[in-house]
């Protein structure tokens, strides 16, 4: 995985990096391991297209 860098004089890059690092973690009650090995993350609110969860492989 490549390193993410924010130069000392690049305020916008530093702010973006800090916002990423300081964002809250996913709520534990919204993450579930399904019987088929997939991980389901229920969204806090539905997307505009009606999506209410994201499913991904557990590996």
PDB file of N, CA and C in Angstrom:
ATOM      1  N   UNK A   1       0.850  -1.173   0.000  1.00  0.00           N
ATOM      2  CA  UNK A   1       0.000   0.000   0.000  1.00  0.00           C
ATOM      3  C   UNK A   1       0.895   1.235   0.000  1.00  0.00           C
ATOM      4  N   UNK A   2       0.675   2.145  -0.929  1.00  0.00           N
ATOM      5  CA  UNK A   2       1.524   3.333  -0.985  1.00  0.00           C
ATOM      6  C   UNK A   2       1.239   4.269   0.185  1.00  0.00           C
ATOM      7  N   UNK A   3       2.267   4.998   0.572  1.00  0.00           N
ATOM      8  CA  UNK A   3       2.133   5.959   1.668  1.00  0.00           C
ATOM      9  C   UNK A   3       1.347   7.174   1.200  1.00  0.00           C
ATOM     10  N   UNK A   4       0.576   7.740   2.105  1.00  0.00           N
ATOM     11  CA  UNK A   4      -0.127   8.984   1.818  1.00  0.00           C
ATOM     12  C   UNK A   4       0.680  10.105   2.441  1.00  0.00           C
ATOM     13  N   UNK A   5       0.913  11.145   1.688  1.00  0.00           N
ATOM     14  CA  UNK A   5       1.757  12.228   2.179  1.00  0.00           C
ATOM     15  C   UNK A   5       1.045  13.564   2.063  1.00  0.00           C
ATOM     16  N   UNK A   6       1.385  14.439   2.978  1.00  0.00           N
ATOM     17  CA  UNK A   6       0.885  15.812   2.942  1.00  0.00           C
ATOM     18  C   UNK A   6       2.052  16.704   3.330  1.00  0.00           C
ATOM     19  N   UNK A   7       2.558  17.461   2.380  1.00  0.00           N
ATOM     20  CA  UNK A   7       3.697  18.329   2.641  1.00  0.00           C
ATOM     21  C   UNK A   7       3.381  19.412   3.663  1.00  0.00           C
ATOM     22  N   UNK A   8       4.380  19.865   4.347  1.00  0.00           N
ATOM     23  CA  UNK A   8       4.217  20.878   5.386  1.00  0.00           C
ATOM     24  C   UNK A   8       3.643  22.191   4.887  1.00  0.00           C
ATOM     25  N   UNK A   9       3.825  22.500   3.622  1.00  0.00           N
ATOM     26  CA  UNK A   9       3.312  23.757   3.082  1.00  0.00           C
ATOM     27  C   UNK A   9       1.992  23.588   2.336  1.00  0.00           C
ATOM     28  N   UNK A  10       1.486  22.365   2.239  1.00  0.00           N
ATOM     29  CA  UNK A  10       0.248  22.097   1.506  1.00  0.00           C
ATOM     30  C   UNK A  10      -0.905  21.965   2.500  1.00  0.00           C
ATOM     31  N   UNK A  11      -1.528  23.096   2.836  1.00  0.00           N
ATOM     32  CA  UNK A  11      -2.582  23.126   3.855  1.00  0.00           C
ATOM     33  C   UNK A  11      -3.784  22.269   3.462  1.00  0.00           C
ATOM     34  N   UNK A  12      -4.164  22.280   2.202  1.00  0.00           N
ATOM     35  CA  UNK A  12      -5.328  21.506   1.761  1.00  0.00           C
ATOM     36  C   UNK A  12      -5.077  20.004   1.915  1.00  0.00           C
ATOM     37  N   UNK A  13      -3.890  19.538   1.559  1.00  0.00           N
ATOM     38  CA  UNK A  13      -3.553  18.120   1.696  1.00  0.00           C
ATOM     39  C   UNK A  13      -3.485  17.718   3.166  1.00  0.00           C
ATOM     40  N   UNK A  14      -2.899  18.579   4.005  1.00  0.00           N
ATOM     41  CA  UNK A  14      -2.845  18.287   5.443  1.00  0.00           C
ATOM     42  C   UNK A  14      -4.241  18.184   6.024  1.00  0.00           C
ATOM     43  N   UNK A  15      -5.121  19.108   5.649  1.00  0.00           N
ATOM     44  CA  UNK A  15      -6.496  19.086   6.153  1.00  0.00           C
ATOM     45  C   UNK A  15      -7.218  17.812   5.705  1.00  0.00           C
ATOM     46  N   UNK A  16      -7.072  17.427   4.445  1.00  0.00           N
ATOM     47  CA  UNK A  16      -7.717  16.217   3.933  1.00  0.00           C
ATOM     48  C   UNK A  16      -7.213  14.985   4.673  1.00  0.00           C
ATOM     49  N   UNK A  17      -5.918  14.904   4.901  1.00  0.00           N
ATOM     50  CA  UNK A  17      -5.347  13.769   5.611  1.00  0.00           C
ATOM     51  C   UNK A  17      -5.841  13.715   7.053  1.00  0.00           C
ATOM     52  N   UNK A  18      -5.880  14.841   7.726  1.00  0.00           N
ATOM     53  CA  UNK A  18      -6.361  14.875   9.108  1.00  0.00           C
ATOM     54  C   UNK A  18      -7.844  14.533   9.194  1.00  0.00           C
ATOM     55  N   UNK A  19      -8.636  15.027   8.249  1.00  0.00           N
ATOM     56  CA  UNK A  19     -10.058  14.666   8.255  1.00  0.00           C
ATOM     57  C   UNK A  19     -10.239  13.160   8.090  1.00  0.00           C
ATOM     58  N   UNK A  20      -9.426  12.547   7.246  1.00  0.00           N
ATOM     59  CA  UNK A  20      -9.507  11.105   7.037  1.00  0.00           C
ATOM     60  C   UNK A  20      -9.128  10.350   8.312  1.00  0.00           C
ATOM     61  N   UNK A  21      -8.027  10.736   8.927  1.00  0.00           N
ATOM     62  CA  UNK A  21      -7.528  10.048  10.115  1.00  0.00           C
ATOM     63  C   UNK A  21      -8.466  10.239  11.305  1.00  0.00           C
ATOM     64  N   UNK A  22      -9.082  11.397  11.424  1.00  0.00           N
ATOM     65  CA  UNK A  22      -9.905  11.718  12.585  1.00  0.00           C
ATOM     66  C   UNK A  22     -11.373  11.346  12.436  1.00  0.00           C
ATOM     67  N   UNK A  23     -11.760  10.781  11.307  1.00  0.00           N
ATOM     68  CA  UNK A  23     -13.164  10.421  11.136  1.00  0.00           C
ATOM     69  C   UNK A  23     -13.536   9.293  12.097  1.00  0.00           C
ATOM     70  N   UNK A  24     -14.783   9.247  12.529  1.00  0.00           N
ATOM     71  CA  UNK A  24     -15.178   8.211  13.485  1.00  0.00           C
ATOM     72  C   UNK A  24     -15.204   6.829  12.842  1.00  0.00           C
ATOM     73  N   UNK A  25     -14.989   5.780  13.633  1.00  0.00           N
ATOM     74  CA  UNK A  25     -15.038   4.420  13.095  1.00  0.00           C
ATOM     75  C   UNK A  25     -16.479   4.006  12.801  1.00  0.00           C
ATOM     76  N   UNK A  26     -16.644   2.938  12.055  1.00  0.00           N
ATOM     77  CA  UNK A  26     -17.984   2.409  11.799  1.00  0.00           C
ATOM     78  C   UNK A  26     -18.573   1.906  13.103  1.00  0.00           C
ATOM     79  N   UNK A  27     -19.846   2.167  13.309  1.00  0.00           N
ATOM     80  CA  UNK A  27     -20.516   1.699  14.511  1.00  0.00           C
ATOM     81  C   UNK A  27     -20.578   0.176  14.493  1.00  0.00           C
ATOM     82  N   UNK A  28     -20.174  -0.440  15.586  1.00  0.00           N
ATOM     83  CA  UNK A  28     -20.103  -1.900  15.673  1.00  0.00           C
ATOM     84  C   UNK A  28     -21.453  -2.554  15.398  1.00  0.00           C
ATOM     85  N   UNK A  29     -22.527  -1.931  15.829  1.00  0.00           N
ATOM     86  CA  UNK A  29     -23.850  -2.538  15.639  1.00  0.00           C
ATOM     87  C   UNK A  29     -24.313  -2.516  14.185  1.00  0.00           C
ATOM     88  N   UNK A  30     -23.619  -1.768  13.328  1.00  0.00           N
ATOM     89  CA  UNK A  30     -23.994  -1.731  11.913  1.00  0.00           C
ATOM     90  C   UNK A  30     -23.178  -2.703  11.069  1.00  0.00           C
ATOM     91  N   UNK A  31     -22.186  -3.376  11.659  1.00  0.00           N
ATOM     92  CA  UNK A  31     -21.344  -4.329  10.939  1.00  0.00           C
ATOM     93  C   UNK A  31     -21.752  -5.743  11.336  1.00  0.00           C
ATOM     94  N   UNK A  32     -21.982  -6.597  10.342  1.00  0.00           N
ATOM     95  CA  UNK A  32     -22.401  -7.975  10.625  1.00  0.00           C
ATOM     96  C   UNK A  32     -21.717  -8.939   9.669  1.00  0.00           C
ATOM     97  N   UNK A  33     -21.228 -10.042  10.207  1.00  0.00           N
ATOM     98  CA  UNK A  33     -20.658 -11.116   9.397  1.00  0.00           C
ATOM     99  C   UNK A  33     -21.791 -12.059   9.035  1.00  0.00           C
ATOM    100  N   UNK A  34     -22.017 -12.261   7.746  1.00  0.00           N
ATOM    101  CA  UNK A  34     -23.097 -13.124   7.271  1.00  0.00           C
ATOM    102  C   UNK A  34     -22.627 -14.572   7.208  1.00  0.00           C
ATOM    103  N   UNK A  35     -23.566 -15.510   7.156  1.00  0.00           N
ATOM    104  CA  UNK A  35     -23.246 -16.941   7.125  1.00  0.00           C
ATOM    105  C   UNK A  35     -22.378 -17.325   5.932  1.00  0.00           C
ATOM    106  N   UNK A  36     -22.521 -16.620   4.813  1.00  0.00           N
ATOM    107  CA  UNK A  36     -21.746 -16.947   3.610  1.00  0.00           C
ATOM    108  C   UNK A  36     -20.346 -16.325   3.610  1.00  0.00           C
ATOM    109  N   UNK A  37     -19.941 -15.713   4.741  1.00  0.00           N
ATOM    110  CA  UNK A  37     -18.607 -15.139   4.859  1.00  0.00           C
ATOM    111  C   UNK A  37     -18.498 -13.692   4.427  1.00  0.00           C
ATOM    112  N   UNK A  38     -19.577 -13.108   3.937  1.00  0.00           N
ATOM    113  CA  UNK A  38     -19.556 -11.712   3.525  1.00  0.00           C
ATOM    114  C   UNK A  38     -19.796 -10.810   4.731  1.00  0.00           C
ATOM    115  N   UNK A  39     -19.298  -9.585   4.657  1.00  0.00           N
ATOM    116  CA  UNK A  39     -19.479  -8.606   5.720  1.00  0.00           C
ATOM    117  C   UNK A  39     -20.493  -7.577   5.235  1.00  0.00           C
ATOM    118  N   UNK A  40     -21.527  -7.338   6.041  1.00  0.00           N
ATOM    119  CA  UNK A  40     -22.575  -6.379   5.685  1.00  0.00           C
ATOM    120  C   UNK A  40     -22.451  -5.153   6.576  1.00  0.00           C
ATOM    121  N   UNK A  41     -22.363  -3.975   5.967  1.00  0.00           N
ATOM    122  CA  UNK A  41     -22.336  -2.710   6.685  1.00  0.00           C
ATOM    123  C   UNK A  41     -23.637  -1.983   6.382  1.00  0.00           C
ATOM    124  N   UNK A  42     -24.516  -1.901   7.369  1.00  0.00           N
ATOM    125  CA  UNK A  42     -25.776  -1.168   7.206  1.00  0.00           C
ATOM    126  C   UNK A  42     -25.468   0.317   7.288  1.00  0.00           C
ATOM    127  N   UNK A  43     -26.022   1.081   6.371  1.00  0.00           N
ATOM    128  CA  UNK A  43     -25.764   2.512   6.328  1.00  0.00           C
ATOM    129  C   UNK A  43     -26.628   3.247   7.350  1.00  0.00           C
ATOM    130  N   UNK A  44     -26.127   4.364   7.821  1.00  0.00           N
ATOM    131  CA  UNK A  44     -26.867   5.163   8.794  1.00  0.00           C
ATOM    132  C   UNK A  44     -28.158   5.694   8.180  1.00  0.00           C
ATOM    133  N   UNK A  45     -28.086   6.137   6.917  1.00  0.00           N
ATOM    134  CA  UNK A  45     -29.280   6.563   6.172  1.00  0.00           C
ATOM    135  C   UNK A  45     -29.172   6.006   4.761  1.00  0.00           C
ATOM    136  N   UNK A  46     -30.309   5.793   4.166  1.00  0.00           N
ATOM    137  CA  UNK A  46     -30.332   5.263   2.797  1.00  0.00           C
ATOM    138  C   UNK A  46     -29.747   6.282   1.824  1.00  0.00           C
ATOM    139  N   UNK A  47     -29.026   5.781   0.817  1.00  0.00           N
ATOM    140  CA  UNK A  47     -28.544   6.647  -0.258  1.00  0.00           C
ATOM    141  C   UNK A  47     -29.739   7.105  -1.093  1.00  0.00           C
ATOM    142  N   UNK A  48     -29.528   8.077  -1.950  1.00  0.00           N
ATOM    143  CA  UNK A  48     -30.586   8.603  -2.808  1.00  0.00           C
ATOM    144  C   UNK A  48     -31.172   7.508  -3.706  1.00  0.00           C
ATOM    145  N   UNK A  49     -30.356   6.514  -4.063  1.00  0.00           N
ATOM    146  CA  UNK A  49     -30.849   5.441  -4.935  1.00  0.00           C
ATOM    147  C   UNK A  49     -31.543   4.320  -4.163  1.00  0.00           C
ATOM    148  N   UNK A  50     -31.689   4.462  -2.836  1.00  0.00           N
ATOM    149  CA  UNK A  50     -32.366   3.471  -2.020  1.00  0.00           C
ATOM    150  C   UNK A  50     -31.449   2.448  -1.367  1.00  0.00           C
ATOM    151  N   UNK A  51     -30.151   2.515  -1.613  1.00  0.00           N
ATOM    152  CA  UNK A  51     -29.198   1.578  -1.008  1.00  0.00           C
ATOM    153  C   UNK A  51     -29.183   1.754   0.501  1.00  0.00           C
ATOM    154  N   UNK A  52     -29.347   0.638   1.247  1.00  0.00           N
ATOM    155  CA  UNK A  52     -29.372   0.710   2.706  1.00  0.00           C
ATOM    156  C   UNK A  52     -28.203  -0.039   3.358  1.00  0.00           C
ATOM    157  N   UNK A  53     -27.436  -0.793   2.543  1.00  0.00           N
ATOM    158  CA  UNK A  53     -26.310  -1.543   3.086  1.00  0.00           C
ATOM    159  C   UNK A  53     -25.296  -1.811   1.973  1.00  0.00           C
ATOM    160  N   UNK A  54     -24.062  -2.070   2.404  1.00  0.00           N
ATOM    161  CA  UNK A  54     -22.972  -2.442   1.506  1.00  0.00           C
ATOM    162  C   UNK A  54     -22.476  -3.804   1.969  1.00  0.00           C
ATOM    163  N   UNK A  55     -22.272  -4.727   1.032  1.00  0.00           N
ATOM    164  CA  UNK A  55     -21.790  -6.066   1.362  1.00  0.00           C
ATOM    165  C   UNK A  55     -20.433  -6.260   0.700  1.00  0.00           C
ATOM    166  N   UNK A  56     -19.465  -6.783   1.474  1.00  0.00           N
ATOM    167  CA  UNK A  56     -18.116  -6.979   0.955  1.00  0.00           C
ATOM    168  C   UNK A  56     -17.565  -8.305   1.450  1.00  0.00           C
ATOM    169  N   UNK A  57     -16.532  -8.805   0.792  1.00  0.00           N
ATOM    170  CA  UNK A  57     -15.887 -10.031   1.257  1.00  0.00           C
ATOM    171  C   UNK A  57     -15.164  -9.739   2.554  1.00  0.00           C
ATOM    172  N   UNK A  58     -15.032 -10.728   3.402  1.00  0.00           N
ATOM    173  CA  UNK A  58     -14.386 -10.554   4.697  1.00  0.00           C
ATOM    174  C   UNK A  58     -12.879 -10.646   4.648  1.00  0.00           C
ATOM    175  N   UNK A  59     -12.308 -10.897   3.477  1.00  0.00           N
ATOM    176  CA  UNK A  59     -10.856 -11.017   3.385  1.00  0.00           C
ATOM    177  C   UNK A  59     -10.250  -9.849   2.669  1.00  0.00           C
TER     178      UNK A  59
END
